[in-house]
N, C-alpha and C. Protein backbone atom coordinates (compact mmCIF):
# COMPACT_ATOMS: atom_id res chain seq x y z
N UNK A 1 112.52 51.57 139.14
CA UNK A 1 111.86 52.53 138.28
C UNK A 1 111.38 53.69 139.14
N UNK A 2 111.35 54.90 138.61
CA UNK A 2 110.93 56.05 139.40
C UNK A 2 109.54 55.86 140.00
N UNK A 3 109.32 56.52 141.14
CA UNK A 3 108.05 56.33 141.85
C UNK A 3 106.84 56.86 141.09
N UNK A 4 107.05 57.78 140.16
CA UNK A 4 105.91 58.31 139.41
C UNK A 4 105.72 57.57 138.08
N UNK A 5 106.26 56.36 137.99
CA UNK A 5 106.20 55.57 136.77
C UNK A 5 104.79 55.40 136.20
N UNK A 6 103.75 55.22 137.03
CA UNK A 6 102.41 55.03 136.46
C UNK A 6 101.92 56.22 135.63
N UNK A 7 102.46 57.42 135.86
CA UNK A 7 102.00 58.59 135.13
C UNK A 7 102.65 58.71 133.75
N UNK A 8 103.73 58.00 133.52
CA UNK A 8 104.44 58.08 132.24
C UNK A 8 104.48 56.67 131.63
N UNK A 9 104.05 56.56 130.39
CA UNK A 9 104.06 55.28 129.69
C UNK A 9 105.40 55.14 128.97
N UNK A 10 106.39 54.58 129.69
CA UNK A 10 107.73 54.47 129.13
C UNK A 10 107.76 53.54 127.92
N UNK A 11 106.96 52.50 127.93
CA UNK A 11 106.92 51.59 126.78
C UNK A 11 106.48 52.36 125.53
N UNK A 12 105.46 53.19 125.68
CA UNK A 12 105.00 53.97 124.53
C UNK A 12 106.09 54.92 124.04
N UNK A 13 106.78 55.56 124.98
CA UNK A 13 107.87 56.45 124.60
C UNK A 13 108.95 55.71 123.82
N UNK A 14 109.29 54.52 124.29
CA UNK A 14 110.31 53.72 123.62
C UNK A 14 109.84 53.25 122.24
N UNK A 15 108.59 52.80 122.16
CA UNK A 15 108.05 52.36 120.87
C UNK A 15 107.97 53.52 119.88
N UNK A 16 107.59 54.70 120.37
CA UNK A 16 107.55 55.88 119.51
C UNK A 16 108.94 56.22 119.00
N UNK A 17 109.92 56.14 119.89
CA UNK A 17 111.30 56.42 119.49
C UNK A 17 111.79 55.40 118.45
N UNK A 18 111.43 54.13 118.65
CA UNK A 18 111.83 53.10 117.69
C UNK A 18 111.22 53.37 116.32
N UNK A 19 109.94 53.70 116.29
CA UNK A 19 109.28 54.01 115.02
C UNK A 19 109.92 55.21 114.32
N UNK A 20 110.25 56.23 115.09
CA UNK A 20 110.87 57.43 114.53
C UNK A 20 112.24 57.10 113.93
N UNK A 21 113.03 56.32 114.63
CA UNK A 21 114.36 55.94 114.13
C UNK A 21 114.25 55.09 112.86
N UNK A 22 113.32 54.16 112.85
CA UNK A 22 113.12 53.33 111.66
C UNK A 22 112.67 54.19 110.47
N UNK A 23 111.83 55.17 110.74
CA UNK A 23 111.37 56.08 109.70
C UNK A 23 112.53 56.89 109.13
N UNK A 24 113.41 57.34 109.99
CA UNK A 24 114.58 58.10 109.55
C UNK A 24 115.50 57.24 108.67
N UNK A 25 115.66 55.98 109.03
CA UNK A 25 116.45 55.07 108.20
C UNK A 25 115.82 54.91 106.82
N UNK A 26 114.52 54.77 106.79
CA UNK A 26 113.80 54.63 105.52
C UNK A 26 113.96 55.90 104.68
N UNK A 27 113.84 57.05 105.32
CA UNK A 27 114.00 58.32 104.60
C UNK A 27 115.39 58.47 104.02
N UNK A 28 116.38 57.90 104.68
CA UNK A 28 117.75 57.94 104.16
C UNK A 28 117.93 57.02 102.95
N UNK A 29 116.97 56.13 102.75
CA UNK A 29 117.06 55.22 101.61
C UNK A 29 117.51 53.82 101.97
N UNK A 30 117.45 53.49 103.26
CA UNK A 30 117.85 52.15 103.68
C UNK A 30 116.62 51.26 103.70
N UNK A 31 116.72 50.14 103.01
CA UNK A 31 115.60 49.22 102.87
C UNK A 31 115.42 48.34 104.08
N UNK A 32 114.46 47.43 103.98
CA UNK A 32 114.14 46.50 105.06
C UNK A 32 115.34 45.66 105.48
N UNK A 33 116.20 45.33 104.50
CA UNK A 33 117.35 44.49 104.81
C UNK A 33 118.53 45.30 105.35
N UNK A 34 118.35 46.62 105.47
CA UNK A 34 119.40 47.46 106.02
C UNK A 34 120.38 47.99 105.00
N UNK A 35 120.21 47.62 103.74
CA UNK A 35 121.14 48.09 102.72
C UNK A 35 120.65 49.40 102.12
N UNK A 36 121.60 50.19 101.65
CA UNK A 36 121.29 51.47 101.03
C UNK A 36 120.78 51.23 99.63
N UNK A 37 119.61 51.76 99.35
CA UNK A 37 119.02 51.62 98.02
C UNK A 37 119.30 52.90 97.24
N UNK A 38 119.82 52.75 96.03
CA UNK A 38 120.06 53.90 95.17
C UNK A 38 119.86 53.48 93.73
N UNK A 39 119.71 54.45 92.86
CA UNK A 39 119.46 54.20 91.45
C UNK A 39 120.75 53.73 90.79
N UNK A 40 120.83 52.46 90.35
CA UNK A 40 122.06 51.95 89.75
C UNK A 40 122.36 52.59 88.40
N UNK A 41 121.38 53.25 87.80
CA UNK A 41 121.60 53.91 86.50
C UNK A 41 122.18 55.31 86.66
N UNK A 42 122.21 55.80 87.90
CA UNK A 42 122.74 57.13 88.14
C UNK A 42 124.26 57.07 88.13
N UNK A 43 124.89 58.03 87.48
CA UNK A 43 126.35 58.06 87.42
C UNK A 43 126.91 58.12 88.83
N UNK A 44 127.92 57.29 89.10
CA UNK A 44 128.51 57.23 90.42
C UNK A 44 129.60 58.29 90.55
N UNK A 45 129.18 59.53 90.61
CA UNK A 45 130.13 60.63 90.70
C UNK A 45 130.67 60.74 92.12
N UNK A 46 131.67 61.60 92.30
CA UNK A 46 132.24 61.77 93.63
C UNK A 46 131.20 62.35 94.59
N UNK A 47 130.28 63.17 94.08
CA UNK A 47 129.21 63.74 94.93
C UNK A 47 128.30 62.64 95.46
N UNK A 48 127.92 61.72 94.58
CA UNK A 48 127.05 60.61 94.99
C UNK A 48 127.78 59.74 95.99
N UNK A 49 129.05 59.49 95.75
CA UNK A 49 129.85 58.67 96.66
C UNK A 49 129.95 59.33 98.03
N UNK A 50 130.18 60.63 98.05
CA UNK A 50 130.28 61.35 99.32
C UNK A 50 128.95 61.31 100.07
N UNK A 51 127.86 61.54 99.35
CA UNK A 51 126.54 61.52 99.99
C UNK A 51 126.22 60.13 100.53
N UNK A 52 126.61 59.11 99.78
CA UNK A 52 126.36 57.74 100.22
C UNK A 52 127.16 57.46 101.49
N UNK A 53 128.40 57.96 101.54
CA UNK A 53 129.22 57.79 102.74
C UNK A 53 128.62 58.47 103.95
N UNK A 54 128.11 59.69 103.75
CA UNK A 54 127.45 60.40 104.84
C UNK A 54 126.20 59.66 105.31
N UNK A 55 125.45 59.12 104.36
CA UNK A 55 124.24 58.37 104.70
C UNK A 55 124.60 57.12 105.51
N UNK A 56 125.69 56.46 105.16
CA UNK A 56 126.13 55.26 105.89
C UNK A 56 126.48 55.60 107.33
N UNK A 57 127.18 56.72 107.53
CA UNK A 57 127.56 57.14 108.88
C UNK A 57 126.32 57.44 109.70
N UNK A 58 125.40 58.22 109.13
CA UNK A 58 124.17 58.56 109.84
C UNK A 58 123.35 57.30 110.13
N UNK A 59 123.28 56.39 109.18
CA UNK A 59 122.53 55.15 109.39
C UNK A 59 123.15 54.33 110.51
N UNK A 60 124.46 54.33 110.60
CA UNK A 60 125.14 53.61 111.69
C UNK A 60 124.75 54.18 113.04
N UNK A 61 124.67 55.50 113.13
CA UNK A 61 124.27 56.15 114.37
C UNK A 61 122.81 55.82 114.71
N UNK A 62 121.96 55.81 113.69
CA UNK A 62 120.54 55.47 113.91
C UNK A 62 120.40 54.02 114.36
N UNK A 63 121.18 53.12 113.77
CA UNK A 63 121.12 51.70 114.17
C UNK A 63 121.58 51.52 115.61
N UNK A 64 122.64 52.25 116.00
CA UNK A 64 123.10 52.18 117.39
C UNK A 64 122.00 52.63 118.34
N UNK A 65 121.31 53.71 117.97
CA UNK A 65 120.22 54.21 118.81
C UNK A 65 119.07 53.20 118.86
N UNK A 66 118.80 52.55 117.72
CA UNK A 66 117.77 51.49 117.71
C UNK A 66 118.15 50.36 118.65
N UNK A 67 119.43 49.99 118.68
CA UNK A 67 119.89 48.96 119.60
C UNK A 67 119.70 49.39 121.05
N UNK A 68 119.97 50.67 121.34
CA UNK A 68 119.78 51.19 122.69
C UNK A 68 118.31 51.12 123.10
N UNK A 69 117.42 51.45 122.16
CA UNK A 69 115.98 51.39 122.43
C UNK A 69 115.56 49.94 122.69
N UNK A 70 116.04 49.03 121.87
CA UNK A 70 115.71 47.60 122.06
C UNK A 70 116.20 47.12 123.42
N UNK A 71 117.41 47.53 123.82
CA UNK A 71 117.94 47.16 125.14
C UNK A 71 117.08 47.74 126.26
N UNK A 72 116.62 48.97 126.07
CA UNK A 72 115.77 49.61 127.08
C UNK A 72 114.45 48.85 127.24
N UNK A 73 113.90 48.38 126.14
CA UNK A 73 112.66 47.61 126.20
C UNK A 73 112.88 46.32 126.98
N UNK A 74 114.02 45.68 126.77
CA UNK A 74 114.34 44.46 127.53
C UNK A 74 114.46 44.80 129.02
N UNK A 75 115.13 45.91 129.34
CA UNK A 75 115.26 46.32 130.75
C UNK A 75 113.89 46.62 131.35
N UNK A 76 113.01 47.21 130.56
CA UNK A 76 111.66 47.50 131.04
C UNK A 76 110.92 46.20 131.38
N UNK A 77 111.09 45.22 130.51
CA UNK A 77 110.40 43.94 130.71
C UNK A 77 110.94 43.15 131.89
N UNK A 78 112.24 43.27 132.16
CA UNK A 78 112.80 42.46 133.26
C UNK A 78 113.01 43.25 134.56
N UNK A 79 112.48 44.48 134.60
CA UNK A 79 112.50 45.24 135.84
C UNK A 79 113.75 46.05 136.11
N UNK A 80 114.66 46.14 135.17
CA UNK A 80 115.89 46.92 135.37
C UNK A 80 115.80 48.33 134.79
N UNK A 81 114.70 48.65 134.16
CA UNK A 81 114.54 49.95 133.50
C UNK A 81 114.48 51.07 134.53
N UNK A 82 115.14 52.18 134.21
CA UNK A 82 115.09 53.35 135.07
C UNK A 82 116.06 53.31 136.23
N UNK A 83 116.99 52.37 136.20
CA UNK A 83 118.01 52.26 137.24
C UNK A 83 119.37 52.52 136.60
N UNK A 84 120.14 53.44 137.18
CA UNK A 84 121.46 53.76 136.64
C UNK A 84 122.35 52.51 136.67
N UNK A 85 122.99 52.21 135.56
CA UNK A 85 123.85 51.03 135.49
C UNK A 85 125.16 51.20 136.23
N UNK A 86 125.49 52.42 136.63
CA UNK A 86 126.73 52.66 137.37
C UNK A 86 126.50 52.61 138.87
N UNK A 87 125.53 53.38 139.35
CA UNK A 87 125.36 53.52 140.79
C UNK A 87 124.12 52.83 141.36
N UNK A 88 123.21 52.38 140.49
CA UNK A 88 122.01 51.70 140.95
C UNK A 88 120.92 52.61 141.47
N UNK A 89 121.09 53.90 141.33
CA UNK A 89 120.09 54.88 141.77
C UNK A 89 119.03 55.03 140.68
N UNK A 90 117.77 55.21 141.08
CA UNK A 90 116.73 55.43 140.06
C UNK A 90 117.01 56.69 139.24
N UNK A 91 116.82 56.57 137.93
CA UNK A 91 116.96 57.70 137.02
C UNK A 91 115.69 58.54 137.16
N UNK A 92 115.83 59.85 137.16
CA UNK A 92 114.66 60.70 137.34
C UNK A 92 113.67 60.52 136.18
N UNK A 93 112.41 60.71 136.50
CA UNK A 93 111.36 60.60 135.49
C UNK A 93 111.57 61.61 134.37
N UNK A 94 112.01 62.81 134.72
CA UNK A 94 112.23 63.84 133.70
C UNK A 94 113.30 63.40 132.72
N UNK A 95 114.36 62.78 133.22
CA UNK A 95 115.44 62.30 132.34
C UNK A 95 114.93 61.16 131.46
N UNK A 96 114.18 60.24 132.04
CA UNK A 96 113.64 59.11 131.27
C UNK A 96 112.65 59.59 130.21
N UNK A 97 111.89 60.62 130.54
CA UNK A 97 110.94 61.14 129.56
C UNK A 97 111.67 61.81 128.41
N UNK A 98 112.76 62.51 128.72
CA UNK A 98 113.54 63.19 127.68
C UNK A 98 114.39 62.21 126.88
N UNK A 99 114.91 61.20 127.54
CA UNK A 99 115.78 60.21 126.91
C UNK A 99 115.35 58.81 127.36
N UNK A 100 114.29 58.27 126.79
CA UNK A 100 113.72 57.01 127.29
C UNK A 100 114.68 55.82 127.30
N UNK A 101 115.67 55.82 126.44
CA UNK A 101 116.57 54.66 126.38
C UNK A 101 117.84 54.84 127.21
N UNK A 102 117.91 55.91 128.00
CA UNK A 102 119.12 56.14 128.79
C UNK A 102 119.37 55.02 129.78
N UNK A 103 120.64 54.77 130.04
CA UNK A 103 121.05 53.73 130.98
C UNK A 103 121.66 54.32 132.24
N UNK A 104 121.76 55.67 132.27
CA UNK A 104 122.50 56.30 133.36
C UNK A 104 121.74 57.48 133.97
N UNK A 105 121.96 57.69 135.25
CA UNK A 105 121.45 58.88 135.91
C UNK A 105 122.24 60.08 135.37
N UNK A 106 121.78 61.27 135.67
CA UNK A 106 122.44 62.47 135.15
C UNK A 106 123.88 62.57 135.64
N UNK A 107 124.14 62.14 136.85
CA UNK A 107 125.50 62.23 137.41
C UNK A 107 126.49 61.35 136.63
N UNK A 108 126.01 60.24 136.07
CA UNK A 108 126.90 59.32 135.37
C UNK A 108 126.77 59.39 133.85
N UNK A 109 125.90 60.23 133.35
CA UNK A 109 125.68 60.31 131.91
C UNK A 109 126.93 60.74 131.16
N UNK A 110 127.66 61.69 131.69
CA UNK A 110 128.85 62.19 130.98
C UNK A 110 130.05 61.28 131.13
N UNK A 111 130.00 60.37 132.04
CA UNK A 111 131.13 59.45 132.28
C UNK A 111 131.05 58.17 131.46
N UNK A 112 129.90 57.95 130.81
CA UNK A 112 129.69 56.69 130.07
C UNK A 112 130.33 56.72 128.72
């Protein structure tokens, strides 16, 4: 973990990110069980179908990001957090603050 780790609460950053992602899923209309909630009495027009498809794609991206955050929390707990998975070099504090769930240093970010 970066040497200035005590000045940044990475767990809080990760928990904040998790809450934000879960909130976005809820705003999209996805319930606790992960399914899309919609009014069954509403006519299933092509517009509704298209919007539902877009919501599913966005929800998939949000779920992937939630998985990345959960993995980062595990790495934080077992001491692997803040270390690039490619080269083993500590990830800079600025990068971790901007992207708390990142697994790569800036040099390897584009190669992942």
